[in-house]
Amino acid sequence: MSLLNDDLKAINFQFLMLARECARHNPMEAMWKFNLNDTEIENISSLSIDEIKSLSDCGRAIFRTPVTQTPAGITSSIAAALLPISMTTQA
């Protein structure tokens, strides 16, 4: 297993644990901090540790990183490098 995948699993697990605890104790704060809707709050707050571990192992980032504007100091070439890569193949 690569270090990147191990790190991603650990980050996913920590994110889900934080989101679950926040959703359980203060749903309105969880909506704001984690950008979740009512259904997502309900689903996350009911997750067990085993379910969180299973979701964490998916191999993809499960957290959201909203960017509403380009931060100062980010050049257009850096911003372009951060854009998602299309996985479609062309003939």
Protein backbone atom coordinates (compact mmCIF):
# COMPACT_ATOMS: atom_id res chain seq x y z
CA MET A 1 0.00 0.00 0.00
CA SER A 2 1.39 3.39 -0.91
CA LEU A 3 2.01 6.10 1.64
CA LEU A 4 -0.38 8.38 -0.22
CA ASN A 5 -3.23 5.90 0.15
CA ASP A 6 -2.40 5.35 3.82
CA ASP A 7 -2.37 9.11 4.44
CA LEU A 8 -5.64 9.56 2.57
CA LYS A 9 -7.30 6.84 4.65
CA ALA A 10 -6.10 8.49 7.86
CA ILE A 11 -7.33 11.92 6.75
CA ASN A 12 -10.69 10.48 5.66
CA PHE A 13 -11.08 8.71 9.01
CA GLN A 14 -10.26 11.83 11.03
CA PHE A 15 -12.56 13.96 8.87
CA LEU A 16 -15.49 11.55 9.28
CA MET A 17 -14.92 11.27 13.03
CA LEU A 18 -14.90 15.06 13.41
CA ALA A 19 -17.94 15.49 11.18
CA ARG A 20 -19.84 12.75 13.04
CA GLU A 21 -19.16 14.20 16.49
CA CYS A 22 -20.02 17.70 15.34
CA ALA A 23 -23.22 16.44 13.65
CA ARG A 24 -24.24 14.64 16.84
CA HIS A 25 -23.60 17.54 19.21
CA ASN A 26 -24.28 20.61 17.08
CA PRO A 27 -25.91 19.91 13.70
CA MET A 28 -26.07 23.58 12.71
CA GLU A 29 -22.34 23.97 13.27
CA ALA A 30 -21.70 20.79 11.27
CA MET A 31 -23.73 22.21 8.38
CA TRP A 32 -21.60 25.33 8.37
CA LYS A 33 -18.17 23.82 9.08
CA PHE A 34 -18.47 20.76 6.86
CA ASN A 35 -20.83 22.12 4.17
CA LEU A 36 -23.41 19.38 4.78
CA ASN A 37 -27.15 19.33 4.26
CA ASP A 38 -29.82 17.90 6.60
CA THR A 39 -29.73 14.43 5.06
CA GLU A 40 -25.94 14.24 5.21
CA ILE A 41 -25.98 15.39 8.86
CA GLU A 42 -28.47 12.64 9.70
CA ASN A 43 -26.45 9.99 7.83
CA ILE A 44 -23.08 10.97 9.29
CA SER A 45 -24.36 11.24 12.85
CA SER A 46 -25.59 7.64 12.73
CA LEU A 47 -22.34 6.08 11.40
CA SER A 48 -20.61 3.42 13.49
CA ILE A 49 -16.83 3.20 13.83
CA ASP A 50 -16.81 0.19 11.47
CA GLU A 51 -18.79 2.14 8.86
CA ILE A 52 -16.41 5.09 9.19
CA LYS A 53 -13.42 2.77 8.73
CA SER A 54 -15.04 1.24 5.65
CA LEU A 55 -15.79 4.64 4.11
CA SER A 56 -12.28 5.85 4.91
CA ASP A 57 -10.77 3.00 2.90
CA CYS A 58 -12.48 4.00 -0.35
CA GLY A 59 -9.26 5.32 -1.94
CA ARG A 60 -10.71 8.77 -2.66
CA ALA A 61 -10.89 12.00 -0.68
CA ILE A 62 -14.30 12.19 0.97
CA PHE A 63 -13.97 15.72 2.27
CA ARG A 64 -14.80 18.88 0.36
CA THR A 65 -12.48 21.78 -0.22
CA PRO A 66 -14.64 24.65 -1.46
CA VAL A 67 -12.79 27.47 -3.19
CA THR A 68 -14.88 30.55 -3.81
CA GLN A 69 -12.05 32.75 -5.06
CA THR A 70 -8.40 32.43 -5.97
CA PRO A 71 -6.30 33.03 -2.85
CA ALA A 72 -3.65 35.76 -3.02
CA GLY A 73 -0.33 34.52 -4.37
CA ILE A 74 -1.81 31.73 -6.49
CA THR A 75 -0.79 32.20 -10.11
CA SER A 76 -2.93 31.08 -13.03
CA SER A 77 -0.51 28.23 -13.79
CA ILE A 78 -0.83 26.90 -10.23
CA ALA A 79 -4.62 27.24 -10.34
CA ALA A 80 -4.70 25.40 -13.68
CA ALA A 81 -2.59 22.59 -12.23
CA LEU A 82 -5.15 22.14 -9.46
CA LEU A 83 -8.08 21.66 -11.86
CA PRO A 84 -9.58 18.16 -11.99
CA ILE A 85 -8.27 15.87 -14.72
CA SER A 86 -10.84 14.37 -17.06
CA MET A 87 -10.58 10.58 -17.07
CA THR A 88 -12.28 10.08 -20.46
CA THR A 89 -10.27 8.53 -23.25
CA GLN A 90 -10.28 9.83 -26.77
CA ALA A 91 -9.96 7.67 -29.87
